[in-house]
C-alpha cells in the first residue's frame, strides 16, 4: 500500500509530531508498505520517500520545551498551500492511505481534516467535526457533562479583557487550580496556581487574545484510556514526580512513570474504560477513529474526565502505544489497525 505520513505542522507540538511521524513511518515500512514522509508546513515538504521496506528512518528527538510558535503564520500559509494544490495534494490523492501523525493546531482542531475531506482524500483518525468538538476543552467538557460523564467545575478567561471574573476568583480562593490554554495539546503551558497573584502573572504573560481554562486542581491519581475503533485498551496510570503532567514530564525520560495495565481493581478499570468509550462517542468519534481520554481523581478517589485527545501522540514514549502493548499489540500492529479502521474504498 502507498502510505503518506503527514507530520510536523504549525503547532507547539511540531516536534512531537515529527517524532510520531517517523515512528509511524518505520512501523508502516515494517508492515510492508511504501511510505512517503511529508511535513506540509516545511519549505521542502517531502522529508523522505518514497521509502520501501528495509529502508531506514532516522529518529527525531523531542526537546524539553515546545518549539516557539512565533513563525506560526508563515507555517500556516505553507501548510494551506500544500494541502490545497500542487504536488503535495497530488501525492495525497494518489496515496492509498494518508496517516495523520499531526498533533495540535490545525492538525488536531479539524482544519486539516476539513481540507482533506473537501479534496476527497482518505485519511486516518476522526473527521473534522469530531476533531473540532474535542479540541476546545471548555466546549468538550460541556458536551461530556451533558452526556452524563463526570467533569470538574470550570471557567474560561481571556486575560486581556479586563479584571479577573468573579467565578475564577472564587475557584482560586477555594483551593489550588489548574490554568491551561483552552485549545492546545501535549500539556503545553499548563500551570498549577495557588494564589491570585500567580494567576495575574500567568495572565500578564499570556499571548494576546489567548483564552485560558481554569479548573480545580485534582489531587488524586491520574489515568488515561485509549479507544481504537470501538475497543477500549487497558488503563494506563501516570505516576508523577511533579504536580502536573506537563510537556516536560510527557517527553523527557524519568519525569513520569507510566504503568499499564494500571494497578487498580478490575471494576475500577472497567469503569474508566466504559467512560472512555462514552466520551469517544459523545464527541462524535465513530468506529473508524481512535482517541485517548484523560482522567484525574479528586480527593475522594472519584475519576473526573479532563479531556479527549483526537490525535494522541505516537512517539516511542507516548501513552497510546503503551496501552496497545498492554493489549498485546506490537507498535506496527497498532499502526496497521489504525489504518484499517478506514476502509480504503471509502472516502471520509
Protein backbone atom coordinates (compact mmCIF):
# COMPACT_ATOMS: atom_id res chain seq x y z
CA UNK A 1 0.00 0.00 0.00
CA UNK A 2 1.18 3.54 -0.78
CA UNK A 3 1.14 5.43 2.52
CA UNK A 4 1.79 9.14 3.06
CA UNK A 5 2.52 10.12 6.66
CA UNK A 6 1.76 13.76 7.49
CA UNK A 7 3.75 15.16 10.40
CA UNK A 8 5.29 18.40 11.66
CA UNK A 9 2.77 21.15 11.02
CA UNK A 10 2.50 24.58 12.62
CA UNK A 11 1.62 23.97 16.26
CA UNK A 12 3.53 23.98 19.54
CA UNK A 13 3.53 20.17 19.19
CA UNK A 14 5.52 20.29 15.96
CA UNK A 15 8.49 18.40 17.44
CA UNK A 16 6.28 15.71 18.96
CA UNK A 17 4.57 15.32 15.59
CA UNK A 18 7.90 14.87 13.82
CA UNK A 19 8.83 12.12 16.29
CA UNK A 20 5.41 10.47 15.87
CA UNK A 21 5.62 10.66 12.09
CA UNK A 22 8.97 8.93 11.95
CA UNK A 23 7.79 6.19 14.32
CA UNK A 24 4.68 5.66 12.18
CA UNK A 25 6.80 5.56 9.00
CA UNK A 26 9.10 2.88 10.44
CA UNK A 27 6.10 0.80 11.52
CA UNK A 28 4.42 1.09 8.10
CA UNK A 29 7.64 0.02 6.39
CA UNK A 30 7.87 -2.95 8.73
CA UNK A 31 4.33 -3.91 7.67
CA UNK A 32 5.45 -3.94 4.04
CA UNK A 33 4.07 -0.60 2.84
CA UNK A 34 5.68 2.06 0.66
CA UNK A 35 5.99 5.25 2.69
CA UNK A 36 6.48 8.94 1.98
CA UNK A 37 7.02 11.28 4.93
CA UNK A 38 5.63 14.79 4.46
CA UNK A 39 5.65 17.96 6.55
CA UNK A 40 3.11 20.23 4.81
CA UNK A 41 4.41 23.28 6.70
CA UNK A 42 8.04 22.83 5.66
CA UNK A 43 9.77 24.79 2.92
CA UNK A 44 10.54 21.41 1.28
CA UNK A 45 7.51 19.33 2.31
CA UNK A 46 8.69 15.84 1.29
CA UNK A 47 11.04 14.84 4.10
CA UNK A 48 11.74 11.32 2.86
CA UNK A 49 10.46 8.92 0.26
CA UNK A 50 9.14 7.08 -1.36
CA UNK A 51 10.67 4.61 1.10
CA UNK A 52 10.41 0.86 0.72
CA UNK A 53 10.52 -1.99 3.26
CA UNK A 54 14.08 -2.29 4.52
CA UNK A 55 14.81 1.45 4.23
CA UNK A 56 15.72 3.29 7.42
CA UNK A 57 14.05 6.33 9.01
CA UNK A 58 16.09 8.47 11.37
CA UNK A 59 14.93 9.27 14.89
CA UNK A 60 13.71 12.72 15.92
CA UNK A 61 14.47 13.88 19.47
CA UNK A 62 11.78 15.90 21.27
CA UNK A 63 13.24 18.81 23.25
CA UNK A 64 12.48 19.64 26.87
CA UNK A 65 10.44 22.69 25.81
CA UNK A 66 7.91 23.06 22.99
CA UNK A 67 9.11 24.95 19.91
CA UNK A 68 8.24 28.60 19.54
CA UNK A 69 5.10 29.45 17.58
CA UNK A 70 6.35 32.92 16.63
CA UNK A 71 6.57 31.78 13.00
CA UNK A 72 3.13 30.13 13.03
CA UNK A 73 1.50 32.35 10.40
CA UNK A 74 4.21 31.61 7.83
CA UNK A 75 3.99 27.88 8.59
CA UNK A 76 0.21 28.03 8.20
CA UNK A 77 0.46 29.74 4.82
CA UNK A 78 2.78 26.99 3.62
CA UNK A 79 0.55 24.31 5.07
CA UNK A 80 -2.61 25.67 3.46
CA UNK A 81 -0.88 26.00 0.09
CA UNK A 82 0.48 22.45 0.27
CA UNK A 83 -2.87 20.89 1.18
CA UNK A 84 -4.97 22.78 -1.37
CA UNK A 85 -2.94 22.43 -4.55
CA UNK A 86 0.30 21.45 -6.20
CA UNK A 87 2.49 18.36 -5.82
CA UNK A 88 1.71 17.63 -2.16
CA UNK A 89 -2.04 17.47 -2.80
CA UNK A 90 -1.44 15.23 -5.82
CA UNK A 91 0.73 12.97 -3.65
CA UNK A 92 -2.05 12.76 -1.07
CA UNK A 93 -4.68 11.99 -3.71
CA UNK A 94 -2.51 9.24 -5.15
CA UNK A 95 -1.92 7.61 -1.75
CA UNK A 96 -3.93 4.58 -0.67
CA UNK A 97 -3.70 5.78 2.95
CA UNK A 98 -2.84 9.18 4.43
CA UNK A 99 -1.76 8.73 8.03
CA UNK A 100 -2.21 11.85 10.15
CA UNK A 101 0.61 12.00 12.66
CA UNK A 102 -0.05 15.71 13.23
CA UNK A 103 -0.69 16.94 16.77
CA UNK A 104 -2.18 20.22 17.94
CA UNK A 105 -3.14 23.31 15.97
CA UNK A 106 -4.58 22.79 12.52
CA UNK A 107 -3.65 19.11 12.64
CA UNK A 108 -5.99 18.38 15.52
CA UNK A 109 -8.63 21.11 15.55
CA UNK A 110 -10.31 19.93 12.33
CA UNK A 111 -8.68 22.30 9.81
CA UNK A 112 -6.52 19.68 8.09
CA UNK A 113 -9.30 17.11 8.19
CA UNK A 114 -11.74 19.56 6.54
CA UNK A 115 -9.26 20.39 3.77
CA UNK A 116 -8.67 16.69 3.09
CA UNK A 117 -12.40 15.96 3.12
CA UNK A 118 -13.02 18.70 0.54
CA UNK A 119 -10.24 17.24 -1.63
CA UNK A 120 -11.69 13.69 -1.34
CA UNK A 121 -8.50 12.43 0.33
CA UNK A 122 -8.89 9.44 2.64
CA UNK A 123 -7.06 9.73 5.97
CA UNK A 124 -6.73 8.08 9.36
CA UNK A 125 -8.44 9.21 12.55
CA UNK A 126 -11.54 11.23 13.31
CA UNK A 127 -13.31 13.52 10.87
CA UNK A 128 -13.24 17.31 11.05
CA UNK A 129 -16.40 17.57 13.16
CA UNK A 130 -15.20 15.27 15.93
CA UNK A 131 -11.76 16.89 15.97
CA UNK A 132 -13.31 20.34 16.32
CA UNK A 133 -15.61 19.15 19.11
CA UNK A 134 -12.74 17.69 21.15
CA UNK A 135 -10.18 20.46 20.54
CA UNK A 136 -11.83 23.24 22.58
CA UNK A 137 -11.59 21.90 26.13
CA UNK A 138 -14.34 24.12 27.52
CA UNK A 139 -16.91 23.12 24.92
CA UNK A 140 -15.80 19.48 25.01
CA UNK A 141 -16.28 19.32 28.79
CA UNK A 142 -19.73 20.84 28.40
CA UNK A 143 -20.67 18.10 25.93
CA UNK A 144 -19.21 15.38 28.16
CA UNK A 145 -21.06 16.74 31.18
CA UNK A 146 -24.33 16.80 29.23
CA UNK A 147 -23.70 13.17 28.30
CA UNK A 148 -23.54 12.26 31.99
CA UNK A 149 -19.77 11.96 32.32
CA UNK A 150 -18.15 13.37 35.48
CA UNK A 151 -16.38 16.67 34.76
CA UNK A 152 -14.98 19.38 37.02
CA UNK A 153 -16.29 22.89 37.53
CA UNK A 154 -14.52 25.21 35.12
CA UNK A 155 -14.39 28.79 33.89
CA UNK A 156 -12.97 30.45 30.78
CA UNK A 157 -10.79 33.53 30.96
CA UNK A 158 -9.37 35.96 28.42
CA UNK A 159 -6.61 37.75 30.38
CA UNK A 160 -6.61 40.86 28.23
CA UNK A 161 -10.33 41.55 28.61
CA UNK A 162 -10.23 43.34 31.98
CA UNK A 163 -10.44 42.22 35.59
CA UNK A 164 -10.38 38.57 36.58
CA UNK A 165 -14.01 37.35 36.61
CA UNK A 166 -15.56 36.64 40.00
CA UNK A 167 -16.13 32.96 39.12
CA UNK A 168 -12.39 32.48 38.61
CA UNK A 169 -11.53 34.39 41.78
CA UNK A 170 -13.82 32.04 43.69
CA UNK A 171 -12.14 28.97 42.18
CA UNK A 172 -8.67 30.22 43.16
CA UNK A 173 -9.82 31.22 46.65
CA UNK A 174 -11.38 27.79 47.21
CA UNK A 175 -8.09 25.98 46.58
CA UNK A 176 -5.39 25.29 44.00
CA UNK A 177 -6.44 25.48 40.36
CA UNK A 178 -5.00 24.39 37.04
CA UNK A 179 -4.70 27.02 34.32
CA UNK A 180 -4.12 25.96 30.72
CA UNK A 181 -4.89 27.05 27.16
CA UNK A 182 -8.45 26.12 26.26
CA UNK A 183 -7.18 24.77 22.93
CA UNK A 184 -3.75 23.16 22.94
CA UNK A 185 -2.21 19.73 23.44
CA UNK A 186 0.75 17.88 24.94
CA UNK A 187 0.07 19.75 28.21
CA UNK A 188 1.69 22.90 26.78
CA UNK A 189 1.61 25.90 29.15
CA UNK A 190 -0.19 24.07 31.96
CA UNK A 191 0.21 25.69 35.39
CA UNK A 192 -0.85 24.98 38.94
CA UNK A 193 -1.94 28.21 40.65
CA UNK A 194 -2.30 28.65 44.41
CA UNK A 195 -2.92 32.39 44.67
CA UNK A 196 -4.46 35.27 42.73
CA UNK A 197 -1.03 36.89 42.42
CA UNK A 198 0.21 33.83 40.48
CA UNK A 199 -2.86 33.98 38.27
CA UNK A 200 -2.15 37.62 37.48
CA UNK A 201 1.41 36.73 36.43
CA UNK A 202 0.18 34.00 34.07
CA UNK A 203 -2.35 36.42 32.60
CA UNK A 204 0.33 39.02 32.03
CA UNK A 205 2.49 36.51 30.14
CA UNK A 206 -0.33 35.03 28.04
CA UNK A 207 -0.26 35.78 24.29
CA UNK A 208 -2.63 38.45 23.02
CA UNK A 209 -6.12 37.05 22.54
CA UNK A 210 -5.38 33.87 24.47
CA UNK A 211 -8.30 32.04 26.08
CA UNK A 212 -7.49 30.06 29.21
CA UNK A 213 -9.36 27.34 31.06
CA UNK A 214 -9.33 27.49 34.86
CA UNK A 215 -10.44 24.43 36.83
CA UNK A 216 -9.83 22.98 40.33
CA UNK A 217 -6.60 21.07 40.85
CA UNK A 218 -7.44 17.42 41.47
CA UNK A 219 -5.02 15.81 43.94
CA UNK A 220 -5.75 12.16 43.13
CA UNK A 221 -4.32 9.57 40.77
CA UNK A 222 -4.10 10.18 37.01
CA UNK A 223 -5.20 7.72 34.32
CA UNK A 224 -5.69 7.60 30.58
CA UNK A 225 -7.66 5.23 28.39
CA UNK A 226 -7.28 4.88 24.63
CA UNK A 227 -10.07 3.78 22.31
CA UNK A 228 -9.25 2.28 18.91
CA UNK A 229 -12.35 1.85 16.82
CA UNK A 230 -14.83 0.50 19.31
CA UNK A 231 -12.30 -1.14 21.65
CA UNK A 232 -11.10 0.42 24.89
CA UNK A 233 -7.48 -0.52 25.59
CA UNK A 234 -6.05 -1.30 29.04
CA UNK A 235 -5.92 1.57 31.52
CA UNK A 236 -2.61 3.43 31.89
CA UNK A 237 -1.73 5.11 35.19
CA UNK A 238 0.61 8.11 35.12
CA UNK A 239 2.71 8.29 38.28
CA UNK A 240 4.17 11.76 38.56
CA UNK A 241 7.22 13.18 40.25
CA UNK A 242 5.77 16.66 39.61
CA UNK A 243 2.31 18.10 40.45
CA UNK A 244 1.24 18.17 36.79
CA UNK A 245 1.74 16.01 33.72
CA UNK A 246 3.12 18.88 31.64
CA UNK A 247 5.07 18.92 28.36
CA UNK A 248 8.42 18.20 30.02
CA UNK A 249 7.01 15.34 32.09
CA UNK A 250 5.49 13.79 28.97
CA UNK A 251 8.53 13.76 26.73
CA UNK A 252 11.63 13.63 28.92
CA UNK A 253 12.75 10.26 30.29
CA UNK A 254 12.36 9.81 34.04
CA UNK A 255 9.92 12.69 34.61
CA UNK A 256 6.98 10.32 34.97
CA UNK A 257 6.35 6.62 35.36
CA UNK A 258 3.57 5.11 33.27
CA UNK A 259 2.10 1.77 34.31
CA UNK A 260 -0.02 -0.42 32.02
CA UNK A 261 -2.17 -2.18 32.92
CA UNK A 262 -2.79 0.18 35.85
CA UNK A 263 -2.72 -1.46 39.27
CA UNK A 264 -6.37 -0.87 40.11
CA UNK A 265 -9.32 -3.16 40.87
CA UNK A 266 -10.96 -4.69 37.81
CA UNK A 267 -14.26 -2.91 38.42
CA UNK A 268 -12.49 0.48 38.57
CA UNK A 269 -10.58 -0.27 35.33
CA UNK A 270 -13.79 -1.33 33.60
CA UNK A 271 -15.46 1.85 34.80
CA UNK A 272 -12.71 4.00 33.28
CA UNK A 273 -12.87 2.06 30.02
CA UNK A 274 -16.63 2.47 29.81
CA UNK A 275 -16.32 6.22 30.45
CA UNK A 276 -13.66 6.49 27.74
CA UNK A 277 -15.98 4.76 25.26
CA UNK A 278 -18.84 7.07 26.23
CA UNK A 279 -16.62 10.15 25.85
CA UNK A 280 -15.38 8.89 22.46
CA UNK A 281 -18.95 8.55 21.20
CA UNK A 282 -20.33 11.71 22.83
CA UNK A 283 -17.89 13.90 20.89
CA UNK A 284 -18.70 12.22 17.58
CA UNK A 285 -15.83 9.74 17.27
CA UNK A 286 -17.02 6.68 15.36
CA UNK A 287 -15.80 3.15 14.89
CA UNK A 288 -13.38 4.38 12.21
CA UNK A 289 -11.50 6.70 14.60
CA UNK A 290 -9.33 6.50 17.69
CA UNK A 291 -8.92 8.72 20.74
CA UNK A 292 -7.42 8.92 24.22
CA UNK A 293 -9.38 10.17 27.23
CA UNK A 294 -7.56 11.56 30.26
CA UNK A 295 -8.86 11.23 33.82
CA UNK A 296 -7.73 12.59 37.17
CA UNK A 297 -9.21 11.64 40.53
CA UNK A 298 -10.46 14.06 43.14
CA UNK A 299 -9.67 13.84 46.85
CA UNK A 300 -12.23 11.05 47.30
CA UNK A 301 -10.71 8.94 44.54
CA UNK A 302 -13.51 9.67 42.07
CA UNK A 303 -12.29 9.95 38.45
CA UNK A 304 -13.11 13.11 36.51
CA UNK A 305 -12.98 13.30 32.72
CA UNK A 306 -10.43 16.01 31.85
CA UNK A 307 -10.20 15.90 28.06
CA UNK A 308 -10.36 13.75 24.94
CA UNK A 309 -7.43 13.73 22.50
CA UNK A 310 -8.32 13.28 18.83
CA UNK A 311 -4.77 12.55 17.60
CA UNK A 312 -2.81 11.29 20.63
CA UNK A 313 0.96 11.05 20.43
CA UNK A 314 2.58 8.09 18.67
CA UNK A 315 6.20 8.54 19.74
CA UNK A 316 8.08 5.72 21.41
CA UNK A 317 7.34 7.42 24.76
CA UNK A 318 3.62 8.06 24.09
CA UNK A 319 0.69 6.67 26.03
CA UNK A 320 -1.33 5.12 23.19
CA UNK A 321 1.50 2.75 22.12
CA UNK A 322 1.96 1.81 25.79
CA UNK A 323 -1.74 0.95 26.07
CA UNK A 324 -1.54 -1.03 22.83
CA UNK A 325 1.33 -3.02 24.29
CA UNK A 326 -0.84 -3.74 27.32
CA UNK A 327 -3.42 -5.21 24.92
CA UNK A 328 -0.74 -7.44 23.38
CA UNK A 329 -0.29 -5.40 20.20
CA UNK A 330 3.10 -4.54 18.78
CA UNK A 331 3.66 -0.95 17.66
CA UNK A 332 3.50 -1.87 13.94
CA UNK A 333 0.26 -3.76 14.63
CA UNK A 334 -1.22 -0.67 16.29
CA UNK A 335 -0.38 1.45 13.25
CA UNK A 336 -1.86 -1.15 10.90
CA UNK A 337 -5.04 -1.33 12.98
CA UNK A 338 -5.42 2.45 12.81
CA UNK A 339 -5.01 2.36 9.02
CA UNK A 340 -7.52 -0.49 8.78
CA UNK A 341 -10.20 1.46 10.69
CA UNK A 342 -10.99 3.30 7.46
CA UNK A 343 -12.00 1.02 4.60
CA UNK A 344 -9.58 2.01 1.79
CA UNK A 345 -12.51 2.06 -0.63
CA UNK A 346 -14.40 4.64 1.42
CA UNK A 347 -13.81 8.36 1.44
CA UNK A 348 -14.06 10.33 4.70
